[in-house]
N, C-alpha and C. Protein backbone atom coordinates (compact mmCIF):
# COMPACT_ATOMS: atom_id res chain seq x y z
N MET A 1 40.16 -31.64 33.73
CA MET A 1 40.33 -32.67 33.04
C MET A 1 39.43 -33.87 33.37
N SER A 2 38.67 -34.54 32.54
CA SER A 2 37.83 -35.67 32.92
C SER A 2 38.50 -37.05 32.76
N ARG A 3 38.52 -37.84 33.64
CA ARG A 3 38.86 -39.01 33.48
C ARG A 3 37.78 -40.04 33.26
N ILE A 4 38.03 -41.15 32.42
CA ILE A 4 37.10 -42.37 32.42
C ILE A 4 37.72 -43.58 32.92
N PHE A 5 36.74 -44.19 33.90
CA PHE A 5 37.14 -45.26 34.67
C PHE A 5 36.23 -46.38 34.12
N GLN A 6 36.81 -47.64 34.02
CA GLN A 6 36.02 -48.72 33.49
C GLN A 6 35.40 -49.29 34.91
N ALA A 7 34.19 -49.47 34.78
CA ALA A 7 33.29 -50.03 36.10
C ALA A 7 33.12 -51.59 35.97
N GLY A 8 33.35 -52.21 34.74
CA GLY A 8 33.06 -53.60 34.91
C GLY A 8 33.95 -54.34 33.86
N GLU A 9 33.45 -55.41 33.30
CA GLU A 9 34.37 -56.27 32.33
C GLU A 9 34.07 -55.48 30.97
N ALA A 10 35.23 -55.43 30.30
CA ALA A 10 35.25 -55.00 28.74
C ALA A 10 34.32 -55.90 28.05
N ILE A 11 33.59 -55.19 27.16
CA ILE A 11 32.66 -56.02 26.16
C ILE A 11 33.39 -56.16 25.11
N GLN A 12 33.29 -57.62 24.58
CA GLN A 12 33.93 -57.98 23.45
C GLN A 12 33.22 -57.28 22.20
N PRO A 13 34.17 -56.91 21.27
CA PRO A 13 33.22 -56.41 20.12
C PRO A 13 32.71 -57.36 19.28
N THR A 14 31.39 -56.99 18.79
CA THR A 14 30.79 -57.83 17.86
C THR A 14 31.01 -57.49 16.50
N SER A 15 30.91 -58.61 15.85
CA SER A 15 31.07 -58.23 14.19
C SER A 15 30.02 -57.68 13.55
N LEU A 16 30.35 -56.67 12.90
CA LEU A 16 29.25 -55.95 11.94
C LEU A 16 29.21 -56.32 10.68
N THR A 17 28.06 -56.29 9.97
CA THR A 17 27.90 -56.71 8.55
C THR A 17 27.06 -55.42 8.05
N THR A 18 27.74 -54.99 6.95
CA THR A 18 27.11 -53.84 6.26
C THR A 18 26.81 -54.33 4.97
N PHE A 19 25.48 -54.21 4.50
CA PHE A 19 24.91 -54.67 3.10
C PHE A 19 24.80 -53.46 2.26
N ILE A 20 25.48 -53.43 1.06
CA ILE A 20 25.17 -52.18 0.38
C ILE A 20 24.59 -52.85 -1.07
N PRO A 21 23.48 -52.41 -1.35
CA PRO A 21 22.69 -53.16 -2.45
C PRO A 21 23.21 -52.71 -4.04
N ILE A 22 24.20 -53.39 -4.42
CA ILE A 22 24.76 -53.12 -5.69
C ILE A 22 24.89 -54.36 -6.62
N ARG A 23 25.06 -54.40 -7.96
CA ARG A 23 25.24 -55.40 -8.66
C ARG A 23 26.70 -55.03 -9.53
N ILE A 24 27.33 -55.85 -10.11
CA ILE A 24 28.49 -55.72 -10.94
C ILE A 24 27.93 -56.51 -12.31
N LYS A 25 28.04 -55.41 -13.17
CA LYS A 25 27.43 -55.72 -14.69
C LYS A 25 28.68 -55.49 -15.50
N ARG A 26 28.80 -56.25 -16.65
CA ARG A 26 29.55 -56.02 -18.00
C ARG A 26 28.87 -54.95 -18.67
N SER A 27 29.78 -54.01 -19.23
CA SER A 27 29.06 -52.97 -20.18
C SER A 27 30.29 -52.65 -20.92
N GLY A 28 30.10 -52.87 -22.15
CA GLY A 28 31.24 -52.80 -23.20
C GLY A 28 32.73 -53.49 -22.75
N GLY A 29 32.55 -54.48 -22.24
CA GLY A 29 33.83 -55.32 -21.84
C GLY A 29 34.27 -54.83 -20.64
N ARG A 30 33.67 -53.85 -19.93
CA ARG A 30 34.21 -53.22 -18.39
C ARG A 30 33.20 -53.80 -17.54
N LYS A 31 33.72 -53.86 -16.26
CA LYS A 31 32.83 -54.28 -15.12
C LYS A 31 32.32 -52.81 -14.57
N VAL A 32 30.91 -52.77 -14.48
CA VAL A 32 30.30 -51.49 -13.84
C VAL A 32 29.69 -51.86 -12.76
N VAL A 33 29.74 -50.89 -11.69
CA VAL A 33 28.91 -51.09 -10.55
C VAL A 33 27.49 -50.38 -10.76
N VAL A 34 26.51 -51.16 -10.56
CA VAL A 34 25.17 -50.63 -10.67
C VAL A 34 24.24 -50.69 -9.36
N PRO A 35 23.51 -49.85 -9.14
CA PRO A 35 22.52 -50.11 -7.80
C PRO A 35 21.73 -51.48 -8.17
N ALA A 36 21.38 -51.91 -7.05
CA ALA A 36 20.70 -53.14 -7.26
C ALA A 36 19.12 -52.96 -7.71
N SER A 37 18.74 -51.97 -7.39
CA SER A 37 17.41 -51.39 -7.34
C SER A 37 17.42 -50.44 -8.84
N ASN A 38 16.52 -50.67 -9.93
CA ASN A 38 16.71 -49.65 -10.83
C ASN A 38 16.13 -48.44 -10.59
N ASP A 39 15.11 -48.23 -9.16
CA ASP A 39 14.87 -46.95 -9.01
C ASP A 39 15.74 -46.17 -8.08
N ALA A 40 16.89 -46.92 -7.71
CA ALA A 40 17.82 -46.04 -6.67
C ALA A 40 18.49 -44.99 -7.56
N ALA A 41 19.02 -45.11 -8.70
CA ALA A 41 19.66 -43.94 -9.27
C ALA A 41 19.46 -43.97 -10.80
N PRO A 42 19.41 -43.00 -11.47
CA PRO A 42 19.25 -43.00 -13.02
C PRO A 42 20.39 -43.57 -13.75
N ALA A 43 20.09 -43.97 -14.82
CA ALA A 43 21.09 -44.77 -15.44
C ALA A 43 21.72 -43.86 -16.57
N HIS A 44 22.75 -43.03 -16.36
CA HIS A 44 23.39 -42.34 -17.38
C HIS A 44 24.23 -43.13 -18.16
N ASP A 45 24.20 -42.86 -19.25
CA ASP A 45 24.90 -43.43 -20.64
C ASP A 45 26.24 -42.47 -20.86
N ALA A 46 27.07 -42.85 -20.35
CA ALA A 46 28.46 -42.08 -20.28
C ALA A 46 28.87 -41.64 -21.91
N PRO A 47 28.73 -42.60 -22.88
CA PRO A 47 29.27 -42.22 -24.26
C PRO A 47 28.11 -41.25 -24.85
N ILE A 48 26.88 -41.42 -24.42
CA ILE A 48 25.94 -40.23 -25.05
C ILE A 48 26.21 -38.94 -24.30
N LEU A 49 26.53 -38.88 -23.18
CA LEU A 49 26.67 -37.68 -22.42
C LEU A 49 27.94 -36.91 -22.94
N THR A 50 29.03 -37.89 -23.26
CA THR A 50 30.28 -37.34 -23.84
C THR A 50 30.05 -36.71 -25.20
N ALA A 51 29.14 -37.62 -25.87
CA ALA A 51 29.12 -37.08 -27.23
C ALA A 51 28.26 -35.70 -27.34
N LEU A 52 27.14 -35.84 -26.30
CA LEU A 52 26.35 -34.31 -26.46
C LEU A 52 27.13 -33.27 -25.94
N SER A 53 28.00 -33.29 -24.88
CA SER A 53 28.83 -32.26 -24.41
C SER A 53 29.83 -31.97 -25.67
N ARG A 54 30.51 -32.80 -26.27
CA ARG A 54 31.24 -32.18 -27.49
C ARG A 54 30.37 -31.71 -28.44
N ALA A 55 29.27 -32.15 -28.80
CA ALA A 55 28.51 -31.51 -30.10
C ALA A 55 27.99 -30.24 -29.85
N PHE A 56 27.86 -30.01 -28.31
CA PHE A 56 27.40 -28.60 -27.94
C PHE A 56 28.52 -27.60 -27.98
N HIS A 57 29.83 -28.14 -27.47
CA HIS A 57 30.77 -27.20 -27.47
C HIS A 57 31.33 -26.93 -28.99
N TRP A 58 31.12 -27.92 -29.85
CA TRP A 58 31.63 -27.60 -31.34
C TRP A 58 30.70 -26.74 -31.88
N GLN A 59 29.26 -26.74 -31.48
CA GLN A 59 28.35 -25.96 -32.22
C GLN A 59 28.74 -24.45 -31.66
N ARG A 60 29.00 -24.40 -30.26
CA ARG A 60 29.31 -23.04 -29.87
C ARG A 60 30.60 -22.28 -30.46
N LEU A 61 31.68 -23.00 -30.84
CA LEU A 61 32.61 -22.64 -31.53
C LEU A 61 32.46 -22.22 -32.93
N LEU A 62 31.36 -23.07 -33.81
CA LEU A 62 30.92 -22.58 -34.96
C LEU A 62 30.01 -21.30 -34.78
N ASP A 63 29.26 -21.18 -33.87
CA ASP A 63 28.32 -20.16 -33.74
C ASP A 63 29.11 -18.89 -33.53
N GLU A 64 30.18 -19.01 -32.64
CA GLU A 64 31.18 -17.90 -32.37
C GLU A 64 31.95 -17.51 -33.47
N GLY A 65 32.02 -18.38 -34.45
CA GLY A 65 33.08 -18.02 -35.61
C GLY A 65 34.56 -18.52 -35.30
N ARG A 66 34.88 -19.11 -34.24
CA ARG A 66 36.16 -19.64 -34.05
C ARG A 66 36.62 -20.58 -34.90
N VAL A 67 35.76 -21.46 -35.54
CA VAL A 67 36.00 -22.21 -36.56
C VAL A 67 34.97 -22.21 -37.76
N LYS A 68 35.54 -22.63 -38.98
CA LYS A 68 34.57 -22.29 -39.92
C LYS A 68 33.61 -23.62 -40.52
N SER A 69 34.13 -24.67 -39.95
CA SER A 69 33.40 -25.66 -40.48
C SER A 69 33.55 -27.22 -39.63
N GLY A 70 32.81 -28.18 -39.79
CA GLY A 70 33.22 -29.41 -39.00
C GLY A 70 34.30 -29.89 -39.51
N THR A 71 34.68 -29.81 -40.66
CA THR A 71 36.12 -30.28 -41.24
C THR A 71 37.41 -29.65 -40.15
N GLU A 72 37.28 -28.39 -40.21
CA GLU A 72 38.14 -27.78 -39.32
C GLU A 72 38.14 -28.34 -37.98
N ILE A 73 37.06 -28.70 -37.42
CA ILE A 73 36.84 -29.21 -35.89
C ILE A 73 37.67 -30.35 -35.98
N ALA A 74 37.41 -31.25 -37.22
CA ALA A 74 37.93 -32.66 -37.06
C ALA A 74 39.52 -32.66 -37.17
N ARG A 75 39.91 -31.90 -37.91
CA ARG A 75 41.35 -31.43 -38.16
C ARG A 75 41.88 -31.18 -36.79
N ARG A 76 41.35 -30.24 -35.90
CA ARG A 76 41.99 -30.03 -34.73
C ARG A 76 41.89 -31.27 -33.57
N GLU A 77 40.75 -31.79 -33.67
CA GLU A 77 40.50 -32.84 -32.72
C GLU A 77 41.17 -34.19 -33.15
N GLY A 78 41.64 -34.18 -34.44
CA GLY A 78 42.21 -35.37 -34.95
C GLY A 78 41.15 -36.54 -35.15
N LEU A 79 39.80 -36.06 -35.69
CA LEU A 79 38.91 -37.01 -35.74
C LEU A 79 38.53 -36.99 -37.24
N HIS A 80 37.84 -38.02 -37.93
CA HIS A 80 37.35 -37.97 -39.32
C HIS A 80 36.16 -36.93 -39.27
N HIS A 81 36.04 -36.21 -40.37
CA HIS A 81 35.04 -35.04 -40.53
C HIS A 81 33.56 -35.72 -40.32
N THR A 82 33.51 -37.05 -40.97
CA THR A 82 31.85 -37.48 -40.80
C THR A 82 31.55 -37.75 -39.29
N THR A 83 32.55 -38.04 -38.49
CA THR A 83 32.30 -38.04 -37.10
C THR A 83 31.95 -36.97 -36.38
N VAL A 84 32.62 -35.92 -36.64
CA VAL A 84 32.27 -34.52 -36.09
C VAL A 84 30.78 -34.10 -36.56
N ASN A 85 30.59 -34.42 -37.99
CA ASN A 85 29.23 -33.99 -38.43
C ASN A 85 28.09 -34.79 -37.96
N GLU A 86 28.32 -36.19 -37.71
CA GLU A 86 27.35 -36.98 -36.98
C GLU A 86 26.96 -36.61 -35.51
N LEU A 87 28.12 -36.27 -34.92
CA LEU A 87 27.93 -35.85 -33.50
C LEU A 87 27.11 -34.48 -33.45
N LEU A 88 27.48 -33.35 -34.35
CA LEU A 88 26.76 -32.21 -34.36
C LEU A 88 25.27 -32.14 -34.61
N ARG A 89 24.88 -33.45 -35.24
CA ARG A 89 23.42 -33.57 -35.43
C ARG A 89 22.64 -33.72 -33.89
N LEU A 90 23.52 -34.03 -33.11
CA LEU A 90 23.07 -34.18 -31.52
C LEU A 90 22.41 -32.75 -31.33
N THR A 91 22.94 -31.87 -31.75
CA THR A 91 22.42 -30.55 -31.17
C THR A 91 20.98 -30.31 -31.77
N LEU A 92 20.68 -30.95 -32.60
CA LEU A 92 19.35 -30.92 -33.04
C LEU A 92 18.29 -31.49 -32.26
N LEU A 93 18.57 -32.26 -31.26
CA LEU A 93 17.60 -32.96 -30.35
C LEU A 93 16.80 -31.91 -29.61
N SER A 94 15.60 -32.35 -29.37
CA SER A 94 14.75 -31.50 -28.59
C SER A 94 15.27 -31.03 -27.14
N PRO A 95 14.96 -29.81 -26.63
CA PRO A 95 15.57 -29.72 -25.24
C PRO A 95 15.04 -30.76 -24.15
N ALA A 96 13.82 -31.25 -24.37
CA ALA A 96 13.18 -32.17 -23.49
C ALA A 96 13.92 -33.25 -23.59
N LEU A 97 14.35 -34.11 -24.61
CA LEU A 97 15.21 -35.13 -24.80
C LEU A 97 16.43 -35.12 -24.11
N VAL A 98 17.17 -33.87 -24.39
CA VAL A 98 18.49 -33.46 -23.90
C VAL A 98 18.45 -33.66 -22.70
N ARG A 99 17.41 -32.85 -21.95
CA ARG A 99 17.01 -33.28 -20.59
C ARG A 99 16.99 -34.33 -19.77
N ALA A 100 16.25 -35.23 -20.72
CA ALA A 100 15.98 -36.69 -20.19
C ALA A 100 17.28 -37.41 -20.26
N ILE A 101 18.12 -37.17 -21.11
CA ILE A 101 19.36 -37.74 -21.28
C ILE A 101 20.37 -37.45 -20.23
N LEU A 102 20.57 -36.12 -19.78
CA LEU A 102 21.22 -35.55 -18.78
C LEU A 102 20.79 -36.27 -17.40
N ASP A 103 19.55 -36.33 -17.23
CA ASP A 103 18.86 -36.84 -16.03
C ASP A 103 19.01 -38.45 -15.97
N GLY A 104 19.42 -39.05 -17.02
CA GLY A 104 19.47 -40.53 -16.95
C GLY A 104 17.99 -41.12 -17.18
N ARG A 105 17.27 -40.13 -17.95
CA ARG A 105 16.07 -41.06 -18.29
C ARG A 105 15.70 -41.47 -19.68
N GLN A 106 16.92 -41.61 -20.51
CA GLN A 106 16.77 -41.80 -21.94
C GLN A 106 16.11 -43.23 -22.13
N PRO A 107 15.62 -43.44 -23.17
CA PRO A 107 15.06 -44.80 -23.53
C PRO A 107 16.36 -45.73 -23.24
N LYS A 108 16.10 -46.94 -22.71
CA LYS A 108 17.22 -47.92 -22.36
C LYS A 108 17.78 -48.46 -23.60
N THR A 109 17.00 -48.34 -24.59
CA THR A 109 17.32 -49.20 -25.82
C THR A 109 18.12 -48.01 -27.02
N LEU A 110 18.20 -46.94 -26.49
CA LEU A 110 18.81 -45.67 -27.25
C LEU A 110 20.38 -45.82 -26.90
N SER A 111 21.24 -45.87 -27.93
CA SER A 111 22.61 -45.84 -27.83
C SER A 111 23.27 -44.85 -28.84
N LEU A 112 24.59 -44.47 -28.60
CA LEU A 112 25.29 -43.57 -29.36
C LEU A 112 25.36 -43.91 -30.93
N ILE A 113 25.68 -45.45 -30.90
CA ILE A 113 25.60 -45.78 -32.35
C ILE A 113 24.40 -45.42 -33.20
N TRP A 114 23.26 -45.81 -32.63
CA TRP A 114 22.23 -45.57 -33.20
C TRP A 114 21.81 -44.02 -33.49
N LEU A 115 22.20 -43.24 -32.53
CA LEU A 115 21.94 -41.80 -32.94
C LEU A 115 23.04 -41.26 -33.97
N LYS A 116 24.17 -41.87 -33.89
CA LYS A 116 25.11 -41.45 -35.10
C LYS A 116 24.71 -42.02 -36.34
N ASN A 117 24.06 -43.09 -36.61
CA ASN A 117 23.66 -43.73 -37.59
C ASN A 117 22.20 -43.48 -38.37
N ASN A 118 21.49 -42.70 -37.56
CA ASN A 118 20.16 -42.44 -38.17
C ASN A 118 19.88 -41.04 -37.98
N GLU A 119 19.15 -40.56 -39.11
CA GLU A 119 18.63 -39.22 -39.38
C GLU A 119 17.63 -39.01 -38.41
N LEU A 120 17.87 -37.88 -37.44
CA LEU A 120 16.74 -37.31 -36.54
C LEU A 120 15.82 -36.48 -37.25
N PRO A 121 14.36 -36.65 -37.13
CA PRO A 121 13.37 -35.56 -37.51
C PRO A 121 13.99 -34.29 -36.94
N GLY A 122 13.54 -33.28 -37.74
CA GLY A 122 13.84 -31.90 -37.30
C GLY A 122 12.77 -31.50 -36.53
N ASP A 123 11.52 -31.95 -36.47
CA ASP A 123 10.30 -31.38 -35.56
C ASP A 123 10.49 -32.00 -34.18
N TRP A 124 10.56 -31.34 -33.22
CA TRP A 124 10.55 -31.68 -31.71
C TRP A 124 9.68 -32.54 -31.48
N GLU A 125 8.31 -32.28 -31.63
CA GLU A 125 7.31 -33.09 -31.47
C GLU A 125 7.35 -34.57 -32.12
N THR A 126 7.68 -34.68 -33.32
CA THR A 126 7.90 -35.92 -33.86
C THR A 126 9.21 -36.54 -33.34
N GLN A 127 10.27 -36.01 -32.97
CA GLN A 127 11.32 -36.65 -32.01
C GLN A 127 10.65 -37.28 -30.73
N GLN A 128 10.04 -36.54 -30.08
CA GLN A 128 9.22 -36.91 -28.78
C GLN A 128 8.48 -38.25 -28.98
N ALA A 129 7.63 -38.40 -30.02
CA ALA A 129 6.79 -39.45 -30.33
C ALA A 129 7.78 -40.55 -31.02
N TRP A 130 8.74 -40.61 -31.57
CA TRP A 130 9.83 -41.31 -31.97
C TRP A 130 10.53 -42.00 -30.98
N PHE A 131 10.94 -41.27 -29.89
CA PHE A 131 11.73 -41.77 -28.96
C PHE A 131 10.83 -42.39 -27.85
N ALA A 132 9.58 -41.88 -27.77
CA ALA A 132 8.56 -42.75 -26.94
C ALA A 132 8.29 -44.10 -27.30
N GLY A 133 8.42 -44.39 -28.59
CA GLY A 133 8.25 -46.01 -28.98
C GLY A 133 9.45 -46.58 -28.85
N PHE A 134 10.60 -46.18 -28.32
CA PHE A 134 11.71 -47.00 -28.28
C PHE A 134 11.72 -48.22 -27.33
N ASP A 135 11.27 -47.87 -26.11
CA ASP A 135 11.16 -49.03 -25.01
C ASP A 135 9.83 -49.71 -25.15
N ALA A 136 8.89 -49.45 -26.05
CA ALA A 136 7.63 -49.94 -26.06
C ALA A 136 7.52 -51.28 -26.70
């Protein structure tokens, strides 16, 4: 067993300061911690991510025949049938746009309210051009 012997005066501990580059921002009435640098992390939009996951889950239920319509999903979830049908339209987004949203690279001005209230073009190339002009 080793023993440690003190050979001199004890060194007084110095104070350490740690700097964490963050900002606190209000988003929808809540305070959210965001990185100080916009390049540090992608900006995921939680409402859009939640809506996308619900829409693709509901679409799978429809495809597998577990439910017959969006109205039945709405009844099960306790939602209005128009809300379910508006969110189901998100499954028509191009895979590149879905990937961009999942990676946090969606246009900054894109919101769930906009996606719900506007008809999306069916052609994926038109969608790409449409969303490219969002932050321009």
